[in-house]
PDB file of N, CA and C in Angstrom:
ATOM      1  N   MET A   1      68.794  29.969  13.613  1.00  0.00           N
ATOM      2  CA  MET A   1      69.059  30.831  12.465  1.00  0.00           C
ATOM      3  C   MET A   1      68.310  30.312  11.237  1.00  0.00           C
ATOM      4  N   ASP A   2      67.850  31.230  10.414  1.00  0.00           N
ATOM      5  CA  ASP A   2      67.110  30.827   9.214  1.00  0.00           C
ATOM      6  C   ASP A   2      68.019  30.127   8.210  1.00  0.00           C
ATOM      7  N   ILE A   3      69.254  30.625   8.038  1.00  0.00           N
ATOM      8  CA  ILE A   3      70.167  30.009   7.063  1.00  0.00           C
ATOM      9  C   ILE A   3      70.463  28.574   7.476  1.00  0.00           C
ATOM     10  N   LYS A   4      70.687  28.350   8.756  1.00  0.00           N
ATOM     11  CA  LYS A   4      70.988  26.993   9.228  1.00  0.00           C
ATOM     12  C   LYS A   4      69.807  26.063   8.950  1.00  0.00           C
ATOM     13  N   LYS A   5      68.584  26.553   9.186  1.00  0.00           N
ATOM     14  CA  LYS A   5      67.405  25.719   8.932  1.00  0.00           C
ATOM     15  C   LYS A   5      67.254  25.435   7.444  1.00  0.00           C
ATOM     16  N   LEU A   6      67.502  26.452   6.608  1.00  0.00           N
ATOM     17  CA  LEU A   6      67.362  26.247   5.162  1.00  0.00           C
ATOM     18  C   LEU A   6      68.383  25.242   4.657  1.00  0.00           C
ATOM     19  N   THR A   7      69.629  25.362   5.096  1.00  0.00           N
ATOM     20  CA  THR A   7      70.657  24.432   4.636  1.00  0.00           C
ATOM     21  C   THR A   7      70.369  23.029   5.164  1.00  0.00           C
ATOM     22  N   ALA A   8      69.894  22.944   6.406  1.00  0.00           N
ATOM     23  CA  ALA A   8      69.582  21.630   6.968  1.00  0.00           C
ATOM     24  C   ALA A   8      68.436  20.979   6.190  1.00  0.00           C
ATOM     25  N   ASN A   9      67.395  21.766   5.885  1.00  0.00           N
ATOM     26  CA  ASN A   9      66.261  21.215   5.143  1.00  0.00           C
ATOM     27  C   ASN A   9      66.657  20.814   3.728  1.00  0.00           C
ATOM     28  N   ALA A  10      67.583  21.551   3.124  1.00  0.00           N
ATOM     29  CA  ALA A  10      67.972  21.270   1.747  1.00  0.00           C
ATOM     30  C   ALA A  10      68.939  20.090   1.677  1.00  0.00           C
ATOM     31  N   TRP A  11      69.789  19.923   2.706  1.00  0.00           N
ATOM     32  CA  TRP A  11      70.859  18.927   2.625  1.00  0.00           C
ATOM     33  C   TRP A  11      70.549  17.617   3.341  1.00  0.00           C
ATOM     34  N   LEU A  12      69.809  17.677   4.428  1.00  0.00           N
ATOM     35  CA  LEU A  12      69.608  16.462   5.214  1.00  0.00           C
ATOM     36  C   LEU A  12      69.048  15.290   4.408  1.00  0.00           C
ATOM     37  N   PRO A  13      68.062  15.478   3.538  1.00  0.00           N
ATOM     38  CA  PRO A  13      67.528  14.329   2.807  1.00  0.00           C
ATOM     39  C   PRO A  13      68.544  13.707   1.851  1.00  0.00           C
ATOM     40  N   ASN A  14      69.466  14.520   1.310  1.00  0.00           N
ATOM     41  CA  ASN A  14      70.358  14.038   0.260  1.00  0.00           C
ATOM     42  C   ASN A  14      71.787  13.834   0.752  1.00  0.00           C
ATOM     43  N   LEU A  15      72.289  14.748   1.571  1.00  0.00           N
ATOM     44  CA  LEU A  15      73.712  14.748   1.919  1.00  0.00           C
ATOM     45  C   LEU A  15      73.908  14.781   3.430  1.00  0.00           C
ATOM     46  N   SER A  16      73.187  13.946   4.145  1.00  0.00           N
ATOM     47  CA  SER A  16      73.270  14.001   5.600  1.00  0.00           C
ATOM     48  C   SER A  16      74.689  13.718   6.085  1.00  0.00           C
ATOM     49  N   ALA A  17      75.320  12.668   5.553  1.00  0.00           N
ATOM     50  CA  ALA A  17      76.671  12.325   5.989  1.00  0.00           C
ATOM     51  C   ALA A  17      77.653  13.407   5.556  1.00  0.00           C
ATOM     52  N   GLN A  18      77.481  13.908   4.331  1.00  0.00           N
ATOM     53  CA  GLN A  18      78.384  14.940   3.832  1.00  0.00           C
ATOM     54  C   GLN A  18      78.221  16.220   4.649  1.00  0.00           C
ATOM     55  N   GLN A  19      76.988  16.541   5.009  1.00  0.00           N
ATOM     56  CA  GLN A  19      76.766  17.740   5.814  1.00  0.00           C
ATOM     57  C   GLN A  19      77.415  17.583   7.187  1.00  0.00           C
ATOM     58  N   ALA A  20      77.343  16.380   7.741  1.00  0.00           N
ATOM     59  CA  ALA A  20      77.948  16.153   9.051  1.00  0.00           C
ATOM     60  C   ALA A  20      79.445  16.413   8.996  1.00  0.00           C
ATOM     61  N   TRP A  21      80.125  15.884   7.963  1.00  0.00           N
ATOM     62  CA  TRP A  21      81.570  16.111   7.838  1.00  0.00           C
ATOM     63  C   TRP A  21      81.855  17.581   7.591  1.00  0.00           C
ATOM     64  N   LEU A  22      81.029  18.250   6.770  1.00  0.00           N
ATOM     65  CA  LEU A  22      81.233  19.680   6.502  1.00  0.00           C
ATOM     66  C   LEU A  22      81.080  20.481   7.788  1.00  0.00           C
ATOM     67  N   PHE A  23      80.068  20.149   8.589  1.00  0.00           N
ATOM     68  CA  PHE A  23      79.853  20.861   9.848  1.00  0.00           C
ATOM     69  C   PHE A  23      81.029  20.654  10.793  1.00  0.00           C
ATOM     70  N   VAL A  24      81.549  19.410  10.848  1.00  0.00           N
ATOM     71  CA  VAL A  24      82.708  19.129  11.704  1.00  0.00           C
ATOM     72  C   VAL A  24      83.905  19.958  11.245  1.00  0.00           C
ATOM     73  N   GLY A  25      84.113  20.043   9.926  1.00  0.00           N
ATOM     74  CA  GLY A  25      85.234  20.821   9.401  1.00  0.00           C
ATOM     75  C   GLY A  25      85.097  22.299   9.724  1.00  0.00           C
ATOM     76  N   VAL A  26      83.907  22.844   9.513  1.00  0.00           N
ATOM     77  CA  VAL A  26      83.676  24.271   9.797  1.00  0.00           C
ATOM     78  C   VAL A  26      83.845  24.543  11.288  1.00  0.00           C
ATOM     79  N   PHE A  27      83.329  23.644  12.119  1.00  0.00           N
ATOM     80  CA  PHE A  27      83.441  23.819  13.567  1.00  0.00           C
ATOM     81  C   PHE A  27      84.901  23.768  14.004  1.00  0.00           C
ATOM     82  N   ALA A  28      85.684  22.861  13.415  1.00  0.00           N
ATOM     83  CA  ALA A  28      87.105  22.758  13.757  1.00  0.00           C
ATOM     84  C   ALA A  28      87.841  24.041  13.384  1.00  0.00           C
ATOM     85  N   VAL A  29      87.542  24.583  12.202  1.00  0.00           N
ATOM     86  CA  VAL A  29      88.180  25.839  11.773  1.00  0.00           C
ATOM     87  C   VAL A  29      87.761  26.977  12.710  1.00  0.00           C
ATOM     88  N   PHE A  30      86.500  27.000  13.097  1.00  0.00           N
ATOM     89  CA  PHE A  30      85.991  28.050  13.983  1.00  0.00           C
ATOM     90  C   PHE A  30      86.694  27.989  15.340  1.00  0.00           C
ATOM     91  N   VAL A  31      86.825  26.779  15.894  1.00  0.00           N
ATOM     92  CA  VAL A  31      87.503  26.623  17.186  1.00  0.00           C
ATOM     93  C   VAL A  31      88.973  27.019  17.054  1.00  0.00           C
ATOM     94  N   ALA A  32      89.619  26.606  15.957  1.00  0.00           N
ATOM     95  CA  ALA A  32      91.031  26.973  15.756  1.00  0.00           C
ATOM     96  C   ALA A  32      91.189  28.483  15.670  1.00  0.00           C
ATOM     97  N   ALA A  33      90.244  29.164  15.006  1.00  0.00           N
ATOM     98  CA  ALA A  33      90.318  30.622  14.898  1.00  0.00           C
ATOM     99  C   ALA A  33      90.171  31.272  16.272  1.00  0.00           C
ATOM    100  N   ILE A  34      89.261  30.777  17.089  1.00  0.00           N
ATOM    101  CA  ILE A  34      89.071  31.336  18.433  1.00  0.00           C
ATOM    102  C   ILE A  34      90.335  31.126  19.264  1.00  0.00           C
ATOM    103  N   ILE A  35      90.918  29.933  19.181  1.00  0.00           N
ATOM    104  CA  ILE A  35      92.131  29.645  19.952  1.00  0.00           C
ATOM    105  C   ILE A  35      93.259  30.571  19.511  1.00  0.00           C
ATOM    106  N   SER A  36      93.417  30.748  18.209  1.00  0.00           N
ATOM    107  CA  SER A  36      94.493  31.614  17.712  1.00  0.00           C
ATOM    108  C   SER A  36      94.253  33.061  18.131  1.00  0.00           C
ATOM    109  N   LEU A  37      92.993  33.498  18.150  1.00  0.00           N
ATOM    110  CA  LEU A  37      92.697  34.867  18.567  1.00  0.00           C
ATOM    111  C   LEU A  37      92.962  35.039  20.064  1.00  0.00           C
ATOM    112  N   ASN A  38      92.639  34.024  20.857  1.00  0.00           N
ATOM    113  CA  ASN A  38      92.869  34.126  22.292  1.00  0.00           C
ATOM    114  C   ASN A  38      94.365  34.130  22.607  1.00  0.00           C
ATOM    115  N   ASN A  39      95.136  33.421  21.814  1.00  0.00           N
ATOM    116  CA  ASN A  39      96.583  33.393  22.040  1.00  0.00           C
ATOM    117  C   ASN A  39      97.226  34.570  21.320  1.00  0.00           C
TER     118      ASN A  39
END
């Protein structure tokens, strides 16, 4: 995706660790939403 590449290019040099935690948080929310929808 273009947005993912743009955010990665903009954040990786400065906020690599912060981006990693943000991605983990977003992924956790996404998985929780899928689980709640399936149930």
